Amino acid sequence: MVIDFIYPINSRSNYHLIGNDGAEQPITPENLWREIASSRPDRVDSFVLGSSFKVMQPLDRVWIYSVDAQQVVALGEAQRVYKTLDGWFVDLVWDREMTLGLESDPIARGDLWTRVQTTARANSRTIAVLRRRLKGAATAKVEVDVRSDERRRVLREVVARQGQGVFRQALLEAYDGKCAISGESCEAVLDAAHIDPYSGPKSNLVSNGLLLRTDLHTLFDLGLLRVDRNYRVRVDSAVVGTTYAKLDGKQIALPAMKSQMPSLAALGRRLEGH
């Protein structure tokens, strides 16, 4: 069953929107509308959910509520809900037609029958309001497409997992489209891995990232595979006896530009388990 959530945004919060030009912008309704209208339909944005958030599931609806304007201003569909060292996150793909409709006719706070203080499931009276809005022909068509086309849903989840965006594109260019460890060049299985955990847009520096094959990215995030200050792979004893053990001591590939080299300080923190 698809669940409706209300997610409050605040222009004075630490969260910033990454625009199509790669610049950080305050997360305001106006900036959000402009970026969604001018982006590709499969644009993915990541939102912080906070610690221990285990309720939201892929395909749930997330209604964005502007605290400043006191109204619902956008609708997204959850594609991936995941936990990092910094807490829980959700990747959203936007319902463009509904969101642009909300630009001209937002849902006011007084119509929601709820106080929006943190991300939470909508109550029954609020759900009735939201779903009445969903009955427009354009949005109904999107709903049918999502549920009837399994291949389309899977492809969208793959896009979300890859973390499409400026950071990944920058790493693809810096590493010449190849995994830094394995040399894999199939772009579909290459991920943008943060060395220091993600803590906002300023974390998305090439020097704080590695381009890794998906399985190696998972091991890296779990601390079972690290890179030392000599840019050599170090594997944990937990993977001894597996095919990954042979990677121990391997020199990783590095960007040509000195400014894009992986940060030795960040690698050191990761190596020491910080």
C-alpha atoms as a PDB file:
ATOM      1  CA  MET A   1       0.000   0.000   0.000  1.00  0.00           C
ATOM      2  CA  VAL A   2       1.283   3.439  -0.942  1.00  0.00           C
ATOM      3  CA  ILE A   3       1.572   5.782   2.053  1.00  0.00           C
ATOM      4  CA  ASP A   4       1.404   9.593   1.939  1.00  0.00           C
ATOM      5  CA  PHE A   5       4.027  11.542   3.893  1.00  0.00           C
ATOM      6  CA  ILE A   6       4.365  15.258   4.604  1.00  0.00           C
ATOM      7  CA  TYR A   7       7.942  16.597   4.469  1.00  0.00           C
ATOM      8  CA  PRO A   8       8.565  20.153   5.736  1.00  0.00           C
ATOM      9  CA  ILE A   9      11.245  22.326   4.089  1.00  0.00           C
ATOM     10  CA  ASN A  10      12.661  25.549   5.456  1.00  0.00           C
ATOM     11  CA  SER A  11      14.756  28.096   3.563  1.00  0.00           C
ATOM     12  CA  ARG A  12      16.791  28.703   6.738  1.00  0.00           C
ATOM     13  CA  SER A  13      17.731  25.047   7.241  1.00  0.00           C
ATOM     14  CA  ASN A  14      21.101  23.492   6.426  1.00  0.00           C
ATOM     15  CA  TYR A  15      19.637  21.684   3.415  1.00  0.00           C
ATOM     16  CA  HIS A  16      20.373  23.252   0.032  1.00  0.00           C
ATOM     17  CA  LEU A  17      19.119  22.339  -3.412  1.00  0.00           C
ATOM     18  CA  ILE A  18      21.708  21.551  -6.075  1.00  0.00           C
ATOM     19  CA  GLY A  19      20.587  23.376  -9.206  1.00  0.00           C
ATOM     20  CA  ASN A  20      21.030  22.256 -12.795  1.00  0.00           C
ATOM     21  CA  ASP A  21      24.152  24.440 -12.938  1.00  0.00           C
ATOM     22  CA  GLY A  22      25.673  22.700  -9.905  1.00  0.00           C
ATOM     23  CA  ALA A  23      25.255  25.729  -7.645  1.00  0.00           C
ATOM     24  CA  GLU A  24      23.753  25.497  -4.158  1.00  0.00           C
ATOM     25  CA  GLN A  25      20.437  27.237  -3.622  1.00  0.00           C
ATOM     26  CA  PRO A  26      18.191  27.703  -0.563  1.00  0.00           C
ATOM     27  CA  ILE A  27      15.412  25.128  -0.560  1.00  0.00           C
ATOM     28  CA  THR A  28      12.532  27.489  -1.319  1.00  0.00           C
ATOM     29  CA  PRO A  29       9.334  26.721  -3.281  1.00  0.00           C
ATOM     30  CA  GLU A  30      10.433  29.076  -6.068  1.00  0.00           C
ATOM     31  CA  ASN A  31      13.830  27.383  -6.474  1.00  0.00           C
ATOM     32  CA  LEU A  32      12.272  23.936  -6.323  1.00  0.00           C
ATOM     33  CA  TRP A  33       9.634  24.742  -8.948  1.00  0.00           C
ATOM     34  CA  ARG A  34      12.237  26.260 -11.279  1.00  0.00           C
ATOM     35  CA  GLU A  35      14.599  23.281 -11.028  1.00  0.00           C
ATOM     36  CA  ILE A  36      11.867  20.668 -11.462  1.00  0.00           C
ATOM     37  CA  ALA A  37      10.394  22.492 -14.462  1.00  0.00           C
ATOM     38  CA  SER A  38      13.763  22.748 -16.204  1.00  0.00           C
ATOM     39  CA  SER A  39      15.198  19.313 -15.293  1.00  0.00           C
ATOM     40  CA  ARG A  40      14.977  15.934 -16.940  1.00  0.00           C
ATOM     41  CA  PRO A  41      11.926  13.907 -15.839  1.00  0.00           C
ATOM     42  CA  ASP A  42      14.157  11.431 -13.982  1.00  0.00           C
ATOM     43  CA  ARG A  43      15.806  14.078 -11.793  1.00  0.00           C
ATOM     44  CA  VAL A  44      16.588  12.581  -8.368  1.00  0.00           C
ATOM     45  CA  ASP A  45      16.959  14.663  -5.188  1.00  0.00           C
ATOM     46  CA  SER A  46      18.036  13.279  -1.811  1.00  0.00           C
ATOM     47  CA  PHE A  47      16.341  14.455   1.376  1.00  0.00           C
ATOM     48  CA  VAL A  48      17.411  13.811   4.978  1.00  0.00           C
ATOM     49  CA  LEU A  49      14.926  11.797   7.011  1.00  0.00           C
ATOM     50  CA  GLY A  50      16.701  11.784  10.375  1.00  0.00           C
ATOM     51  CA  SER A  51      17.931   8.872  12.476  1.00  0.00           C
ATOM     52  CA  SER A  52      16.079   5.574  12.867  1.00  0.00           C
ATOM     53  CA  PHE A  53      13.519   6.394  10.157  1.00  0.00           C
ATOM     54  CA  LYS A  54      12.291   3.003   8.969  1.00  0.00           C
ATOM     55  CA  VAL A  55       8.692   3.609   7.920  1.00  0.00           C
ATOM     56  CA  MET A  56       8.944   5.054   4.412  1.00  0.00           C
ATOM     57  CA  GLN A  57       9.166   2.625   1.493  1.00  0.00           C
ATOM     58  CA  PRO A  58       9.884   2.937  -2.271  1.00  0.00           C
ATOM     59  CA  LEU A  59       6.837   4.195  -4.222  1.00  0.00           C
ATOM     60  CA  ASP A  60       5.423   6.063  -1.200  1.00  0.00           C
ATOM     61  CA  ARG A  61       4.331   9.645  -1.933  1.00  0.00           C
ATOM     62  CA  VAL A  62       6.181  12.531  -0.308  1.00  0.00           C
ATOM     63  CA  TRP A  63       4.367  15.877  -0.257  1.00  0.00           C
ATOM     64  CA  ILE A  64       6.759  18.797   0.271  1.00  0.00           C
ATOM     65  CA  TYR A  65       5.431  21.414   2.686  1.00  0.00           C
ATOM     66  CA  SER A  66       7.001  24.894   2.752  1.00  0.00           C
ATOM     67  CA  VAL A  67       7.219  26.087   6.342  1.00  0.00           C
ATOM     68  CA  ASP A  68       7.816  29.642   5.112  1.00  0.00           C
ATOM     69  CA  ALA A  69       4.806  29.722   2.782  1.00  0.00           C
ATOM     70  CA  GLN A  70       2.710  27.351   4.956  1.00  0.00           C
ATOM     71  CA  GLN A  71       1.497  25.291   2.010  1.00  0.00           C
ATOM     72  CA  VAL A  72       2.168  22.055   0.117  1.00  0.00           C
ATOM     73  CA  VAL A  73       4.278  22.948  -2.914  1.00  0.00           C
ATOM     74  CA  ALA A  74       5.540  19.708  -4.521  1.00  0.00           C
ATOM     75  CA  LEU A  75       4.999  15.963  -4.795  1.00  0.00           C
ATOM     76  CA  GLY A  76       7.719  13.353  -5.096  1.00  0.00           C
ATOM     77  CA  GLU A  77       7.813   9.565  -5.204  1.00  0.00           C
ATOM     78  CA  ALA A  78      10.234   7.716  -2.928  1.00  0.00           C
ATOM     79  CA  GLN A  79      12.659   5.664  -5.001  1.00  0.00           C
ATOM     80  CA  ARG A  80      15.142   4.523  -2.363  1.00  0.00           C
ATOM     81  CA  VAL A  81      15.178   4.828   1.425  1.00  0.00           C
ATOM     82  CA  TYR A  82      18.598   4.148   2.911  1.00  0.00           C
ATOM     83  CA  LYS A  83      20.767   4.626   5.993  1.00  0.00           C
ATOM     84  CA  THR A  84      24.277   6.080   6.149  1.00  0.00           C
ATOM     85  CA  LEU A  85      26.497   7.063   9.051  1.00  0.00           C
ATOM     86  CA  ASP A  86      24.623  10.374   9.053  1.00  0.00           C
ATOM     87  CA  GLY A  87      21.125   8.892   9.361  1.00  0.00           C
ATOM     88  CA  TRP A  88      18.280   8.048   7.001  1.00  0.00           C
ATOM     89  CA  PHE A  89      17.755   9.506   3.531  1.00  0.00           C
ATOM     90  CA  VAL A  90      15.166   9.241   0.771  1.00  0.00           C
ATOM     91  CA  ASP A  91      15.780   9.716  -2.957  1.00  0.00           C
ATOM     92  CA  LEU A  92      12.815  11.379  -4.667  1.00  0.00           C
ATOM     93  CA  VAL A  93      11.705  11.491  -8.291  1.00  0.00           C
ATOM     94  CA  TRP A  94       9.294  14.356  -8.842  1.00  0.00           C
ATOM     95  CA  ASP A  95       5.728  14.174 -10.127  1.00  0.00           C
ATOM     96  CA  ARG A  96       6.262  17.097 -12.478  1.00  0.00           C
ATOM     97  CA  GLU A  97       2.640  17.588 -13.526  1.00  0.00           C
ATOM     98  CA  MET A  98       1.324  17.629  -9.978  1.00  0.00           C
ATOM     99  CA  THR A  99       4.165  19.828  -8.722  1.00  0.00           C
ATOM    100  CA  LEU A 100       3.704  22.434 -11.440  1.00  0.00           C
ATOM    101  CA  GLY A 101      -0.014  22.347 -10.682  1.00  0.00           C
ATOM    102  CA  LEU A 102       0.786  23.044  -7.036  1.00  0.00           C
ATOM    103  CA  GLU A 103       2.829  26.046  -8.154  1.00  0.00           C
ATOM    104  CA  SER A 104      -0.344  27.734  -9.388  1.00  0.00           C
ATOM    105  CA  ASP A 105      -2.673  26.200  -6.812  1.00  0.00           C
ATOM    106  CA  PRO A 106      -0.846  25.058  -3.642  1.00  0.00           C
ATOM    107  CA  ILE A 107      -2.580  23.289  -0.769  1.00  0.00           C
ATOM    108  CA  ALA A 108      -2.792  25.696   2.159  1.00  0.00           C
ATOM    109  CA  ARG A 109      -1.957  24.693   5.718  1.00  0.00           C
ATOM    110  CA  GLY A 110      -5.536  25.338   6.776  1.00  0.00           C
ATOM    111  CA  ASP A 111      -6.725  22.575   4.430  1.00  0.00           C
ATOM    112  CA  LEU A 112      -4.334  19.933   5.763  1.00  0.00           C
ATOM    113  CA  TRP A 113      -5.956  19.227   9.152  1.00  0.00           C
ATOM    114  CA  THR A 114      -2.533  18.678  10.705  1.00  0.00           C
ATOM    115  CA  ARG A 115       0.434  20.511  12.211  1.00  0.00           C
ATOM    116  CA  VAL A 116       3.543  19.962  10.104  1.00  0.00           C
ATOM    117  CA  GLN A 117       6.566  19.815  12.389  1.00  0.00           C
ATOM    118  CA  THR A 118       8.635  16.928  11.046  1.00  0.00           C
ATOM    119  CA  THR A 119       8.467  14.302   8.329  1.00  0.00           C
ATOM    120  CA  ALA A 120       5.512  12.076   9.180  1.00  0.00           C
ATOM    121  CA  ARG A 121       2.680  10.008   7.736  1.00  0.00           C
ATOM    122  CA  ALA A 122      -0.350  12.065   6.832  1.00  0.00           C
ATOM    123  CA  ASN A 123      -3.391  11.528   9.036  1.00  0.00           C
ATOM    124  CA  SER A 124      -6.678  10.281   7.583  1.00  0.00           C
ATOM    125  CA  ARG A 125      -8.220  13.740   7.094  1.00  0.00           C
ATOM    126  CA  THR A 126      -5.087  15.038   5.385  1.00  0.00           C
ATOM    127  CA  ILE A 127      -4.924  11.955   3.151  1.00  0.00           C
ATOM    128  CA  ALA A 128      -8.460  12.669   1.967  1.00  0.00           C
ATOM    129  CA  VAL A 129      -7.404  16.195   0.944  1.00  0.00           C
ATOM    130  CA  LEU A 130      -4.262  14.993  -0.813  1.00  0.00           C
ATOM    131  CA  ARG A 131      -5.957  12.212  -2.709  1.00  0.00           C
ATOM    132  CA  ARG A 132      -8.727  14.465  -3.932  1.00  0.00           C
ATOM    133  CA  ARG A 133      -5.975  16.505  -5.533  1.00  0.00           C
ATOM    134  CA  LEU A 134      -4.569  13.332  -7.110  1.00  0.00           C
ATOM    135  CA  LYS A 135      -7.731  12.649  -9.057  1.00  0.00           C
ATOM    136  CA  GLY A 136      -6.735  14.933 -11.932  1.00  0.00           C
ATOM    137  CA  ALA A 137      -6.407  13.071 -15.229  1.00  0.00           C
ATOM    138  CA  ALA A 138      -2.725  13.778 -15.727  1.00  0.00           C
ATOM    139  CA  THR A 139      -1.659  12.515 -12.298  1.00  0.00           C
ATOM    140  CA  ALA A 140      -3.954   9.490 -12.509  1.00  0.00           C
ATOM    141  CA  LYS A 141      -2.145   8.486 -15.704  1.00  0.00           C
ATOM    142  CA  VAL A 142       1.218   8.739 -13.950  1.00  0.00           C
ATOM    143  CA  GLU A 143      -0.078   6.564 -11.093  1.00  0.00           C
ATOM    144  CA  VAL A 144      -1.239   3.855 -13.513  1.00  0.00           C
ATOM    145  CA  ASP A 145       2.054   3.920 -15.388  1.00  0.00           C
ATOM    146  CA  VAL A 146       4.087   3.503 -12.208  1.00  0.00           C
ATOM    147  CA  ARG A 147       2.144   0.482 -11.064  1.00  0.00           C
ATOM    148  CA  SER A 148       1.697  -1.276 -14.398  1.00  0.00           C
ATOM    149  CA  ASP A 149       5.175  -0.907 -15.856  1.00  0.00           C
ATOM    150  CA  GLU A 150       7.534  -2.932 -13.640  1.00  0.00           C
ATOM    151  CA  ARG A 151      10.511  -2.387 -15.926  1.00  0.00           C
ATOM    152  CA  ARG A 152      10.103   1.386 -15.720  1.00  0.00           C
ATOM    153  CA  ARG A 153       9.994   1.230 -11.920  1.00  0.00           C
ATOM    154  CA  VAL A 154      13.148  -0.903 -11.743  1.00  0.00           C
ATOM    155  CA  LEU A 155      15.019   1.399 -14.100  1.00  0.00           C
ATOM    156  CA  ARG A 156      14.049   4.409 -11.968  1.00  0.00           C
ATOM    157  CA  GLU A 157      15.339   2.631  -8.842  1.00  0.00           C
ATOM    158  CA  VAL A 158      18.645   1.972 -10.617  1.00  0.00           C
ATOM    159  CA  VAL A 159      18.908   5.663 -11.510  1.00  0.00           C
ATOM    160  CA  ALA A 160      18.209   6.596  -7.888  1.00  0.00           C
ATOM    161  CA  ARG A 161      20.785   4.134  -6.544  1.00  0.00           C
ATOM    162  CA  GLN A 162      23.453   5.507  -8.809  1.00  0.00           C
ATOM    163  CA  GLY A 163      22.922   8.950  -7.293  1.00  0.00           C
ATOM    164  CA  GLN A 164      22.594  10.792 -10.601  1.00  0.00           C
ATOM    165  CA  GLY A 165      23.830  14.324 -10.284  1.00  0.00           C
ATOM    166  CA  VAL A 166      26.727  16.707 -10.433  1.00  0.00           C
ATOM    167  CA  PHE A 167      28.885  14.758  -7.954  1.00  0.00           C
ATOM    168  CA  ARG A 168      28.699  11.451  -9.832  1.00  0.00           C
ATOM    169  CA  GLN A 169      29.234  13.125 -13.187  1.00  0.00           C
ATOM    170  CA  ALA A 170      32.317  14.897 -11.854  1.00  0.00           C
ATOM    171  CA  LEU A 171      33.746  11.591 -10.603  1.00  0.00           C
ATOM    172  CA  LEU A 172      33.019   9.873 -13.920  1.00  0.00           C
ATOM    173  CA  GLU A 173      35.013  12.567 -15.685  1.00  0.00           C
ATOM    174  CA  ALA A 174      37.842  12.618 -13.118  1.00  0.00           C
ATOM    175  CA  TYR A 175      38.315   8.824 -13.242  1.00  0.00           C
ATOM    176  CA  ASP A 176      37.847   8.567 -16.992  1.00  0.00           C
ATOM    177  CA  GLY A 177      34.678   6.532 -16.552  1.00  0.00           C
ATOM    178  CA  LYS A 178      36.425   3.638 -14.781  1.00  0.00           C
ATOM    179  CA  CYS A 179      36.186   2.194 -11.270  1.00  0.00           C
ATOM    180  CA  ALA A 180      39.211   3.382  -9.282  1.00  0.00           C
ATOM    181  CA  ILE A 181      39.842  -0.142  -7.990  1.00  0.00           C
ATOM    182  CA  SER A 182      38.637  -2.664 -10.567  1.00  0.00           C
ATOM    183  CA  GLY A 183      38.892  -0.621 -13.750  1.00  0.00           C
ATOM    184  CA  GLU A 184      35.272  -1.497 -14.591  1.00  0.00           C
ATOM    185  CA  SER A 185      33.988   0.822 -17.335  1.00  0.00           C
ATOM    186  CA  CYS A 186      30.301  -0.188 -17.472  1.00  0.00           C
ATOM    187  CA  GLU A 187      28.731   3.107 -16.365  1.00  0.00           C
ATOM    188  CA  ALA A 188      25.526   1.411 -15.173  1.00  0.00           C
ATOM    189  CA  VAL A 189      27.368  -0.196 -12.222  1.00  0.00           C
ATOM    190  CA  LEU A 190      29.576   2.740 -11.237  1.00  0.00           C
ATOM    191  CA  ASP A 191      28.700   4.689  -8.088  1.00  0.00           C
ATOM    192  CA  ALA A 192      29.847   7.947  -6.538  1.00  0.00           C
ATOM    193  CA  ALA A 193      31.277   6.985  -3.138  1.00  0.00           C
ATOM    194  CA  HIS A 194      31.905   9.598  -0.435  1.00  0.00           C
ATOM    195  CA  ILE A 195      35.097   9.208   1.600  1.00  0.00           C
ATOM    196  CA  ASP A 196      33.994  11.412   4.483  1.00  0.00           C
ATOM    197  CA  PRO A 197      30.248  10.693   4.939  1.00  0.00           C
ATOM    198  CA  TYR A 198      27.799  13.006   3.220  1.00  0.00           C
ATOM    199  CA  SER A 199      27.049  16.054   5.377  1.00  0.00           C
ATOM    200  CA  GLY A 200      25.485  18.418   2.857  1.00  0.00           C
ATOM    201  CA  PRO A 201      26.332  19.778  -0.587  1.00  0.00           C
ATOM    202  CA  LYS A 202      29.824  20.828   0.473  1.00  0.00           C
ATOM    203  CA  SER A 203      30.675  17.124   0.851  1.00  0.00           C
ATOM    204  CA  ASN A 204      30.309  16.674  -2.908  1.00  0.00           C
ATOM    205  CA  LEU A 205      33.902  17.558  -3.794  1.00  0.00           C
ATOM    206  CA  VAL A 206      35.758  15.277  -6.187  1.00  0.00           C
ATOM    207  CA  SER A 207      38.562  15.077  -3.610  1.00  0.00           C
ATOM    208  CA  ASN A 208      36.031  13.590  -1.174  1.00  0.00           C
ATOM    209  CA  GLY A 209      34.943  10.876  -3.568  1.00  0.00           C
ATOM    210  CA  LEU A 210      35.927   7.699  -5.348  1.00  0.00           C
ATOM    211  CA  LEU A 211      34.299   6.186  -8.423  1.00  0.00           C
ATOM    212  CA  LEU A 212      33.607   2.586  -7.423  1.00  0.00           C
ATOM    213  CA  ARG A 213      31.819  -0.417  -8.834  1.00  0.00           C
ATOM    214  CA  THR A 214      28.582  -0.977  -6.894  1.00  0.00           C
ATOM    215  CA  ASP A 215      29.773  -4.017  -4.915  1.00  0.00           C
ATOM    216  CA  LEU A 216      33.038  -2.286  -3.976  1.00  0.00           C
ATOM    217  CA  HIS A 217      31.084   0.814  -2.959  1.00  0.00           C
ATOM    218  CA  THR A 218      29.058  -1.350  -0.561  1.00  0.00           C
ATOM    219  CA  LEU A 219      32.207  -2.844   0.983  1.00  0.00           C
ATOM    220  CA  PHE A 220      33.722   0.652   1.239  1.00  0.00           C
ATOM    221  CA  ASP A 221      30.668   2.020   3.057  1.00  0.00           C
ATOM    222  CA  LEU A 222      30.683  -0.953   5.446  1.00  0.00           C
ATOM    223  CA  GLY A 223      34.340  -0.388   6.288  1.00  0.00           C
ATOM    224  CA  LEU A 224      35.347  -3.771   4.863  1.00  0.00           C
ATOM    225  CA  LEU A 225      37.457  -2.137   2.189  1.00  0.00           C
ATOM    226  CA  ARG A 226      39.535   0.995   2.713  1.00  0.00           C
ATOM    227  CA  VAL A 227      42.200   2.968   0.875  1.00  0.00           C
ATOM    228  CA  ASP A 228      45.370   3.960   2.728  1.00  0.00           C
ATOM    229  CA  ARG A 229      47.420   7.150   2.454  1.00  0.00           C
ATOM    230  CA  ASN A 230      49.558   5.551  -0.253  1.00  0.00           C
ATOM    231  CA  TYR A 231      46.389   5.019  -2.313  1.00  0.00           C
ATOM    232  CA  ARG A 232      46.521   1.260  -1.831  1.00  0.00           C
ATOM    233  CA  VAL A 233      43.523  -0.942  -1.062  1.00  0.00           C
ATOM    234  CA  ARG A 234      43.263  -2.482   2.398  1.00  0.00           C
ATOM    235  CA  VAL A 235      40.684  -5.211   2.956  1.00  0.00           C
ATOM    236  CA  ASP A 236      39.222  -6.227   6.302  1.00  0.00           C
ATOM    237  CA  SER A 237      39.813  -9.674   7.753  1.00  0.00           C
ATOM    238  CA  ALA A 238      36.082 -10.328   7.308  1.00  0.00           C
ATOM    239  CA  VAL A 239      36.569 -10.692   3.547  1.00  0.00           C
ATOM    240  CA  VAL A 240      39.641 -12.915   3.742  1.00  0.00           C
ATOM    241  CA  GLY A 241      38.913 -16.084   1.814  1.00  0.00           C
ATOM    242  CA  THR A 242      36.678 -14.286  -0.691  1.00  0.00           C
ATOM    243  CA  THR A 243      37.492 -13.041  -4.171  1.00  0.00           C
ATOM    244  CA  TYR A 244      37.875  -9.539  -2.714  1.00  0.00           C
ATOM    245  CA  ALA A 245      40.902 -10.546  -0.638  1.00  0.00           C
ATOM    246  CA  LYS A 246      43.151 -10.371  -3.716  1.00  0.00           C
ATOM    247  CA  LEU A 247      42.533  -6.635  -3.896  1.00  0.00           C
ATOM    248  CA  ASP A 248      44.570  -6.038  -0.735  1.00  0.00           C
ATOM    249  CA  GLY A 249      47.576  -3.868  -1.534  1.00  0.00           C
ATOM    250  CA  LYS A 250      46.357  -2.935  -5.006  1.00  0.00           C
ATOM    251  CA  GLN A 251      47.163   0.607  -6.149  1.00  0.00           C
ATOM    252  CA  ILE A 252      44.022   2.499  -7.127  1.00  0.00           C
ATOM    253  CA  ALA A 253      43.713   4.589 -10.265  1.00  0.00           C
ATOM    254  CA  LEU A 254      43.900   8.326  -9.648  1.00  0.00           C
ATOM    255  CA  PRO A 255      42.625  11.454 -11.404  1.00  0.00           C
ATOM    256  CA  ALA A 256      45.034  13.316 -13.652  1.00  0.00           C
ATOM    257  CA  MET A 257      44.363  16.653 -11.920  1.00  0.00           C
ATOM    258  CA  LYS A 258      46.092  17.169  -8.570  1.00  0.00           C
ATOM    259  CA  SER A 259      43.121  19.110  -7.199  1.00  0.00           C
ATOM    260  CA  GLN A 260      40.896  16.055  -7.774  1.00  0.00           C
ATOM    261  CA  MET A 261      43.116  13.566  -5.959  1.00  0.00           C
ATOM    262  CA  PRO A 262      41.400  11.775  -3.053  1.00  0.00           C
ATOM    263  CA  SER A 263      41.946  13.674   0.186  1.00  0.00           C
ATOM    264  CA  LEU A 264      44.652  11.992   2.272  1.00  0.00           C
ATOM    265  CA  ALA A 265      43.098  13.419   5.427  1.00  0.00           C
ATOM    266  CA  ALA A 266      39.696  11.948   4.559  1.00  0.00           C
ATOM    267  CA  LEU A 267      41.207   8.580   3.619  1.00  0.00           C
ATOM    268  CA  GLY A 268      43.063   8.606   6.942  1.00  0.00           C
ATOM    269  CA  ARG A 269      39.857   9.180   8.882  1.00  0.00           C
ATOM    270  CA  ARG A 270      38.159   6.361   6.988  1.00  0.00           C
ATOM    271  CA  LEU A 271      41.175   4.073   7.548  1.00  0.00           C
ATOM    272  CA  GLU A 272      41.062   4.731  11.297  1.00  0.00           C
ATOM    273  CA  GLY A 273      37.319   4.139  11.442  1.00  0.00           C
ATOM    274  CA  HIS A 274      36.290   7.753  12.145  1.00  0.00           C
END
